[in-house]
Amino acid sequence: MSRLMNLNEPIPDEFFIFVDQFNPITHHNFNLIGTFTSGAFGSLATLPEFAEKYINGSASYLPFEPCDG
């Protein structure tokens, strides 16, 4: 049986993806490419350190880092 990479639980039969179809950027990207890909998925392919953090559950999904000053 296949299992989720980061939780070691069985892979669900269904996934729900929520998309804001009224967001102009989302609308444009879907019409241009025809698919949606999560930022986390893209990061898994390009950043080996992110994959390790994803697997051990310490990945941060915030789009920014707080400013110190």
Protein backbone atom coordinates (compact mmCIF):
# COMPACT_ATOMS: atom_id res chain seq x y z
CA MET A 1 0.00 0.00 0.00
CA SER A 2 1.29 3.44 -0.91
CA ARG A 3 1.67 5.90 1.92
CA LEU A 4 1.94 9.68 2.26
CA MET A 5 5.56 10.78 2.23
CA ASN A 6 5.34 13.16 5.21
CA LEU A 7 2.81 11.41 7.49
CA ASN A 8 3.31 7.70 6.75
CA GLU A 9 -0.47 7.31 6.40
CA PRO A 10 -2.36 5.66 3.52
CA ILE A 11 -2.85 7.91 0.50
CA PRO A 12 -6.50 9.05 0.36
CA ASP A 13 -8.65 8.15 -2.63
CA GLU A 14 -9.77 11.76 -3.06
CA PHE A 15 -8.01 15.11 -2.78
CA PHE A 16 -9.85 18.41 -2.64
CA ILE A 17 -8.26 21.46 -4.23
CA PHE A 18 -9.77 24.87 -3.55
CA VAL A 19 -9.07 27.56 -6.13
CA ASP A 20 -10.12 31.21 -6.21
CA GLN A 21 -11.35 31.38 -9.80
CA PHE A 22 -12.00 35.11 -9.47
CA ASN A 23 -8.34 35.90 -8.76
CA PRO A 24 -6.98 37.35 -12.03
CA ILE A 25 -3.54 35.78 -11.59
CA THR A 26 -4.99 32.34 -10.88
CA HIS A 27 -7.36 32.69 -13.82
CA HIS A 28 -4.52 33.74 -16.14
CA ASN A 29 -2.17 30.95 -15.01
CA PHE A 30 -4.82 28.27 -15.43
CA ASN A 31 -5.78 29.51 -18.90
CA LEU A 32 -2.12 29.77 -19.92
CA ILE A 33 -0.89 26.43 -18.54
CA GLY A 34 -4.09 24.43 -18.01
CA THR A 35 -3.08 22.99 -14.64
CA PHE A 36 -2.54 24.02 -11.03
CA THR A 37 0.58 23.07 -9.10
CA SER A 38 1.19 23.87 -5.48
CA GLY A 39 4.21 25.87 -4.40
CA ALA A 40 5.17 23.00 -2.10
CA PHE A 41 5.25 20.57 -5.01
CA GLY A 42 7.46 22.90 -7.05
CA SER A 43 9.79 23.32 -4.09
CA LEU A 44 10.14 19.55 -3.67
CA ALA A 45 11.62 19.34 -7.16
CA THR A 46 14.01 22.27 -6.89
CA LEU A 47 15.05 22.53 -3.23
CA PRO A 48 16.43 19.34 -1.65
CA GLU A 49 16.44 20.96 1.80
CA PHE A 50 12.70 21.67 1.47
CA ALA A 51 12.00 18.01 0.71
CA GLU A 52 13.76 17.01 3.94
CA LYS A 53 11.77 19.58 5.93
CA TYR A 54 8.54 18.44 4.26
CA ILE A 55 9.18 14.81 5.17
CA ASN A 56 10.00 15.56 8.82
CA GLY A 57 7.06 18.00 9.16
CA SER A 58 9.06 21.19 9.76
CA ALA A 59 8.45 22.90 6.39
CA SER A 60 7.15 26.47 6.54
CA TYR A 61 4.50 27.44 4.00
CA LEU A 62 4.55 31.16 4.75
CA PRO A 63 5.25 33.24 1.64
CA PHE A 64 7.49 35.62 3.59
CA GLU A 65 9.89 35.76 6.51
CA PRO A 66 9.28 38.30 9.30
CA CYS A 67 11.47 41.39 9.14
CA ASP A 68 13.77 41.92 12.12
CA GLY A 69 14.13 45.63 11.77
